[in-house]
Amino acid sequence: MLKFLLGIGVGYVLGTRAGRERYEQLVRTYQRTADHPAVQGAAGIARATVEGAVANVRRDGGSH
């Protein structure tokens, strides 16, 4: 029984460590991607498009 509990404990520790490392790797990848100039440019274009569409809806009163 002690070996079983020890095995569960070791598995839990190793699993959480791998999980945390994987999480941190995903965060770093996201940050590098989000900070990339091409992504920033595309986000700016998308933002301008959405803002233009919202302005048109407000100006037209939202009726079609």
PDB file of N, CA and C in Angstrom:
ATOM      1  N   MET A   1       0.825  -1.195   0.000  1.00  0.00           N
ATOM      2  CA  MET A   1       0.000   0.000   0.000  1.00  0.00           C
ATOM      3  C   MET A   1       0.873   1.264   0.000  1.00  0.00           C
ATOM      4  N   LEU A   2       1.967   1.243   0.721  1.00  0.00           N
ATOM      5  CA  LEU A   2       2.858   2.398   0.789  1.00  0.00           C
ATOM      6  C   LEU A   2       3.483   2.683  -0.575  1.00  0.00           C
ATOM      7  N   LYS A   3       3.883   1.612  -1.290  1.00  0.00           N
ATOM      8  CA  LYS A   3       4.461   1.793  -2.626  1.00  0.00           C
ATOM      9  C   LYS A   3       3.429   2.406  -3.577  1.00  0.00           C
ATOM     10  N   PHE A   4       2.200   1.987  -3.450  1.00  0.00           N
ATOM     11  CA  PHE A   4       1.133   2.517  -4.299  1.00  0.00           C
ATOM     12  C   PHE A   4       0.940   4.010  -4.050  1.00  0.00           C
ATOM     13  N   LEU A   5       0.859   4.415  -2.783  1.00  0.00           N
ATOM     14  CA  LEU A   5       0.691   5.821  -2.448  1.00  0.00           C
ATOM     15  C   LEU A   5       1.907   6.646  -2.872  1.00  0.00           C
ATOM     16  N   LEU A   6       3.099   6.062  -2.704  1.00  0.00           N
ATOM     17  CA  LEU A   6       4.308   6.740  -3.140  1.00  0.00           C
ATOM     18  C   LEU A   6       4.291   6.925  -4.657  1.00  0.00           C
ATOM     19  N   GLY A   7       3.861   5.921  -5.380  1.00  0.00           N
ATOM     20  CA  GLY A   7       3.750   5.998  -6.832  1.00  0.00           C
ATOM     21  C   GLY A   7       2.770   7.076  -7.262  1.00  0.00           C
ATOM     22  N   ILE A   8       1.649   7.156  -6.573  1.00  0.00           N
ATOM     23  CA  ILE A   8       0.672   8.207  -6.874  1.00  0.00           C
ATOM     24  C   ILE A   8       1.276   9.578  -6.609  1.00  0.00           C
ATOM     25  N   GLY A   9       1.981   9.720  -5.513  1.00  0.00           N
ATOM     26  CA  GLY A   9       2.606  10.998  -5.169  1.00  0.00           C
ATOM     27  C   GLY A   9       3.642  11.418  -6.194  1.00  0.00           C
ATOM     28  N   VAL A  10       4.503  10.482  -6.592  1.00  0.00           N
ATOM     29  CA  VAL A  10       5.536  10.789  -7.585  1.00  0.00           C
ATOM     30  C   VAL A  10       4.891  11.117  -8.925  1.00  0.00           C
ATOM     31  N   GLY A  11       3.899  10.359  -9.313  1.00  0.00           N
ATOM     32  CA  GLY A  11       3.199  10.621 -10.569  1.00  0.00           C
ATOM     33  C   GLY A  11       2.529  11.981 -10.569  1.00  0.00           C
ATOM     34  N   TYR A  12       1.949  12.350  -9.448  1.00  0.00           N
ATOM     35  CA  TYR A  12       1.296  13.653  -9.341  1.00  0.00           C
ATOM     36  C   TYR A  12       2.317  14.780  -9.488  1.00  0.00           C
ATOM     37  N   VAL A  13       3.428  14.669  -8.767  1.00  0.00           N
ATOM     38  CA  VAL A  13       4.456  15.715  -8.817  1.00  0.00           C
ATOM     39  C   VAL A  13       5.016  15.839 -10.228  1.00  0.00           C
ATOM     40  N   LEU A  14       5.358  14.729 -10.856  1.00  0.00           N
ATOM     41  CA  LEU A  14       5.901  14.778 -12.207  1.00  0.00           C
ATOM     42  C   LEU A  14       4.868  15.290 -13.202  1.00  0.00           C
ATOM     43  N   GLY A  15       3.639  14.897 -13.033  1.00  0.00           N
ATOM     44  CA  GLY A  15       2.575  15.346 -13.927  1.00  0.00           C
ATOM     45  C   GLY A  15       2.319  16.841 -13.809  1.00  0.00           C
ATOM     46  N   THR A  16       2.294  17.357 -12.590  1.00  0.00           N
ATOM     47  CA  THR A  16       2.061  18.791 -12.425  1.00  0.00           C
ATOM     48  C   THR A  16       3.253  19.591 -12.912  1.00  0.00           C
ATOM     49  N   ARG A  17       4.445  19.065 -12.736  1.00  0.00           N
ATOM     50  CA  ARG A  17       5.632  19.776 -13.227  1.00  0.00           C
ATOM     51  C   ARG A  17       5.590  19.849 -14.756  1.00  0.00           C
ATOM     52  N   ALA A  18       5.285  18.729 -15.398  1.00  0.00           N
ATOM     53  CA  ALA A  18       5.196  18.722 -16.861  1.00  0.00           C
ATOM     54  C   ALA A  18       4.061  19.617 -17.320  1.00  0.00           C
ATOM     55  N   GLY A  19       2.977  19.619 -16.596  1.00  0.00           N
ATOM     56  CA  GLY A  19       1.840  20.458 -16.949  1.00  0.00           C
ATOM     57  C   GLY A  19       2.181  21.928 -16.849  1.00  0.00           C
ATOM     58  N   ARG A  20       2.880  22.303 -15.819  1.00  0.00           N
ATOM     59  CA  ARG A  20       3.264  23.700 -15.632  1.00  0.00           C
ATOM     60  C   ARG A  20       4.263  24.144 -16.700  1.00  0.00           C
ATOM     61  N   GLU A  21       5.226  23.276 -16.983  1.00  0.00           N
ATOM     62  CA  GLU A  21       6.215  23.602 -18.017  1.00  0.00           C
ATOM     63  C   GLU A  21       5.550  23.759 -19.373  1.00  0.00           C
ATOM     64  N   ARG A  22       4.605  22.886 -19.676  1.00  0.00           N
ATOM     65  CA  ARG A  22       3.883  22.970 -20.949  1.00  0.00           C
ATOM     66  C   ARG A  22       3.057  24.249 -21.002  1.00  0.00           C
ATOM     67  N   TYR A  23       2.413  24.590 -19.885  1.00  0.00           N
ATOM     68  CA  TYR A  23       1.634  25.828 -19.818  1.00  0.00           C
ATOM     69  C   TYR A  23       2.534  27.037 -20.073  1.00  0.00           C
ATOM     70  N   GLU A  24       3.676  27.079 -19.420  1.00  0.00           N
ATOM     71  CA  GLU A  24       4.598  28.197 -19.598  1.00  0.00           C
ATOM     72  C   GLU A  24       5.126  28.260 -21.033  1.00  0.00           C
ATOM     73  N   GLN A  25       5.338  27.098 -21.647  1.00  0.00           N
ATOM     74  CA  GLN A  25       5.779  27.070 -23.040  1.00  0.00           C
ATOM     75  C   GLN A  25       4.696  27.662 -23.943  1.00  0.00           C
ATOM     76  N   LEU A  26       3.445  27.322 -23.705  1.00  0.00           N
ATOM     77  CA  LEU A  26       2.343  27.865 -24.504  1.00  0.00           C
ATOM     78  C   LEU A  26       2.217  29.376 -24.310  1.00  0.00           C
ATOM     79  N   VAL A  27       2.402  29.847 -23.082  1.00  0.00           N
ATOM     80  CA  VAL A  27       2.332  31.283 -22.821  1.00  0.00           C
ATOM     81  C   VAL A  27       3.443  32.018 -23.560  1.00  0.00           C
ATOM     82  N   ARG A  28       4.661  31.479 -23.533  1.00  0.00           N
ATOM     83  CA  ARG A  28       5.777  32.115 -24.238  1.00  0.00           C
ATOM     84  C   ARG A  28       5.517  32.154 -25.741  1.00  0.00           C
ATOM     85  N   THR A  29       4.988  31.073 -26.295  1.00  0.00           N
ATOM     86  CA  THR A  29       4.682  31.025 -27.720  1.00  0.00           C
ATOM     87  C   THR A  29       3.610  32.049 -28.069  1.00  0.00           C
ATOM     88  N   TYR A  30       2.584  32.141 -27.238  1.00  0.00           N
ATOM     89  CA  TYR A  30       1.527  33.134 -27.470  1.00  0.00           C
ATOM     90  C   TYR A  30       2.102  34.541 -27.447  1.00  0.00           C
ATOM     91  N   GLN A  31       2.932  34.838 -26.457  1.00  0.00           N
ATOM     92  CA  GLN A  31       3.490  36.183 -26.337  1.00  0.00           C
ATOM     93  C   GLN A  31       4.374  36.529 -27.531  1.00  0.00           C
ATOM     94  N   ARG A  32       5.195  35.576 -27.985  1.00  0.00           N
ATOM     95  CA  ARG A  32       6.033  35.833 -29.167  1.00  0.00           C
ATOM     96  C   ARG A  32       5.171  36.076 -30.392  1.00  0.00           C
ATOM     97  N   THR A  33       4.116  35.299 -30.539  1.00  0.00           N
ATOM     98  CA  THR A  33       3.225  35.450 -31.686  1.00  0.00           C
ATOM     99  C   THR A  33       2.486  36.784 -31.620  1.00  0.00           C
ATOM    100  N   ALA A  34       1.952  37.112 -30.457  1.00  0.00           N
ATOM    101  CA  ALA A  34       1.190  38.347 -30.310  1.00  0.00           C
ATOM    102  C   ALA A  34       2.072  39.574 -30.516  1.00  0.00           C
ATOM    103  N   ASP A  35       3.345  39.475 -30.194  1.00  0.00           N
ATOM    104  CA  ASP A  35       4.253  40.613 -30.336  1.00  0.00           C
ATOM    105  C   ASP A  35       4.868  40.720 -31.730  1.00  0.00           C
ATOM    106  N   HIS A  36       4.612  39.758 -32.596  1.00  0.00           N
ATOM    107  CA  HIS A  36       5.196  39.761 -33.933  1.00  0.00           C
ATOM    108  C   HIS A  36       4.594  40.916 -34.749  1.00  0.00           C
ATOM    109  N   PRO A  37       5.416  41.664 -35.482  1.00  0.00           N
ATOM    110  CA  PRO A  37       4.912  42.817 -36.243  1.00  0.00           C
ATOM    111  C   PRO A  37       3.790  42.479 -37.226  1.00  0.00           C
ATOM    112  N   ALA A  38       3.871  41.333 -37.877  1.00  0.00           N
ATOM    113  CA  ALA A  38       2.816  40.963 -38.832  1.00  0.00           C
ATOM    114  C   ALA A  38       1.487  40.755 -38.115  1.00  0.00           C
ATOM    115  N   VAL A  39       1.533  40.153 -36.953  1.00  0.00           N
ATOM    116  CA  VAL A  39       0.309  39.933 -36.178  1.00  0.00           C
ATOM    117  C   VAL A  39      -0.232  41.272 -35.684  1.00  0.00           C
ATOM    118  N   GLN A  40       0.656  42.142 -35.245  1.00  0.00           N
ATOM    119  CA  GLN A  40       0.229  43.471 -34.795  1.00  0.00           C
ATOM    120  C   GLN A  40      -0.447  44.234 -35.936  1.00  0.00           C
ATOM    121  N   GLY A  41       0.125  44.148 -37.138  1.00  0.00           N
ATOM    122  CA  GLY A  41      -0.466  44.816 -38.291  1.00  0.00           C
ATOM    123  C   GLY A  41      -1.836  44.264 -38.619  1.00  0.00           C
ATOM    124  N   ALA A  42      -1.965  42.949 -38.618  1.00  0.00           N
ATOM    125  CA  ALA A  42      -3.257  42.325 -38.908  1.00  0.00           C
ATOM    126  C   ALA A  42      -4.284  42.696 -37.849  1.00  0.00           C
ATOM    127  N   ALA A  43      -3.864  42.766 -36.599  1.00  0.00           N
ATOM    128  CA  ALA A  43      -4.785  43.155 -35.529  1.00  0.00           C
ATOM    129  C   ALA A  43      -5.243  44.592 -35.715  1.00  0.00           C
ATOM    130  N   GLY A  44      -4.336  45.464 -36.142  1.00  0.00           N
ATOM    131  CA  GLY A  44      -4.712  46.859 -36.393  1.00  0.00           C
ATOM    132  C   GLY A  44      -5.723  46.977 -37.516  1.00  0.00           C
ATOM    133  N   ILE A  45      -5.513  46.220 -38.579  1.00  0.00           N
ATOM    134  CA  ILE A  45      -6.456  46.226 -39.704  1.00  0.00           C
ATOM    135  C   ILE A  45      -7.815  45.706 -39.259  1.00  0.00           C
ATOM    136  N   ALA A  46      -7.819  44.617 -38.512  1.00  0.00           N
ATOM    137  CA  ALA A  46      -9.082  44.048 -38.029  1.00  0.00           C
ATOM    138  C   ALA A  46      -9.800  45.034 -37.111  1.00  0.00           C
ATOM    139  N   ARG A  47      -9.056  45.675 -36.240  1.00  0.00           N
ATOM    140  CA  ARG A  47      -9.644  46.655 -35.318  1.00  0.00           C
ATOM    141  C   ARG A  47     -10.280  47.812 -36.106  1.00  0.00           C
ATOM    142  N   ALA A  48      -9.563  48.311 -37.111  1.00  0.00           N
ATOM    143  CA  ALA A  48     -10.087  49.414 -37.914  1.00  0.00           C
ATOM    144  C   ALA A  48     -11.346  48.993 -38.672  1.00  0.00           C
ATOM    145  N   THR A  49     -11.358  47.773 -39.180  1.00  0.00           N
ATOM    146  CA  THR A  49     -12.526  47.266 -39.901  1.00  0.00           C
ATOM    147  C   THR A  49     -13.737  47.176 -38.985  1.00  0.00           C
ATOM    148  N   VAL A  50     -13.529  46.650 -37.794  1.00  0.00           N
ATOM    149  CA  VAL A  50     -14.640  46.524 -36.841  1.00  0.00           C
ATOM    150  C   VAL A  50     -15.126  47.903 -36.414  1.00  0.00           C
ATOM    151  N   GLU A  51     -14.199  48.805 -36.140  1.00  0.00           N
ATOM    152  CA  GLU A  51     -14.597  50.151 -35.734  1.00  0.00           C
ATOM    153  C   GLU A  51     -15.379  50.847 -36.852  1.00  0.00           C
ATOM    154  N   GLY A  52     -14.962  50.653 -38.103  1.00  0.00           N
ATOM    155  CA  GLY A  52     -15.690  51.224 -39.232  1.00  0.00           C
ATOM    156  C   GLY A  52     -17.091  50.650 -39.354  1.00  0.00           C
ATOM    157  N   ALA A  53     -17.214  49.346 -39.161  1.00  0.00           N
ATOM    158  CA  ALA A  53     -18.529  48.710 -39.237  1.00  0.00           C
ATOM    159  C   ALA A  53     -19.439  49.203 -38.117  1.00  0.00           C
ATOM    160  N   VAL A  54     -18.894  49.351 -36.918  1.00  0.00           N
ATOM    161  CA  VAL A  54     -19.695  49.845 -35.793  1.00  0.00           C
ATOM    162  C   VAL A  54     -20.128  51.282 -36.055  1.00  0.00           C
ATOM    163  N   ALA A  55     -19.233  52.098 -36.598  1.00  0.00           N
ATOM    164  CA  ALA A  55     -19.580  53.486 -36.913  1.00  0.00           C
ATOM    165  C   ALA A  55     -20.693  53.536 -37.949  1.00  0.00           C
ATOM    166  N   ASN A  56     -20.650  52.655 -38.949  1.00  0.00           N
ATOM    167  CA  ASN A  56     -21.701  52.622 -39.977  1.00  0.00           C
ATOM    168  C   ASN A  56     -23.039  52.219 -39.383  1.00  0.00           C
ATOM    169  N   VAL A  57     -23.025  51.249 -38.498  1.00  0.00           N
ATOM    170  CA  VAL A  57     -24.270  50.801 -37.862  1.00  0.00           C
ATOM    171  C   VAL A  57     -24.852  51.926 -37.015  1.00  0.00           C
ATOM    172  N   ARG A  58     -24.004  52.606 -36.288  1.00  0.00           N
ATOM    173  CA  ARG A  58     -24.486  53.721 -35.454  1.00  0.00           C
ATOM    174  C   ARG A  58     -25.049  54.849 -36.325  1.00  0.00           C
ATOM    175  N   ARG A  59     -24.351  55.130 -37.428  1.00  0.00           N
ATOM    176  CA  ARG A  59     -24.778  56.223 -38.312  1.00  0.00           C
ATOM    177  C   ARG A  59     -26.105  55.873 -38.988  1.00  0.00           C
ATOM    178  N   ASP A  60     -26.237  54.623 -39.420  1.00  0.00           N
ATOM    179  CA  ASP A  60     -27.445  54.201 -40.133  1.00  0.00           C
ATOM    180  C   ASP A  60     -28.573  53.812 -39.191  1.00  0.00           C
ATOM    181  N   GLY A  61     -28.318  53.779 -37.940  1.00  0.00           N
ATOM    182  CA  GLY A  61     -29.349  53.428 -36.975  1.00  0.00           C
ATOM    183  C   GLY A  61     -29.565  51.943 -36.828  1.00  0.00           C
ATOM    184  N   GLY A  62     -28.740  51.154 -37.461  1.00  0.00           N
ATOM    185  CA  GLY A  62     -28.818  49.704 -37.305  1.00  0.00           C
ATOM    186  C   GLY A  62     -29.917  49.045 -38.087  1.00  0.00           C
ATOM    187  N   SER A  63     -30.645  49.774 -38.932  1.00  0.00           N
ATOM    188  CA  SER A  63     -31.736  49.165 -39.703  1.00  0.00           C
ATOM    189  C   SER A  63     -31.256  48.773 -41.095  1.00  0.00           C
ATOM    190  N   HIS A  64     -31.723  47.641 -41.569  1.00  0.00           N
ATOM    191  CA  HIS A  64     -31.385  47.162 -42.926  1.00  0.00           C
ATOM    192  C   HIS A  64     -32.614  46.845 -43.682  1.00  0.00           C
TER     193      HIS A  64
END
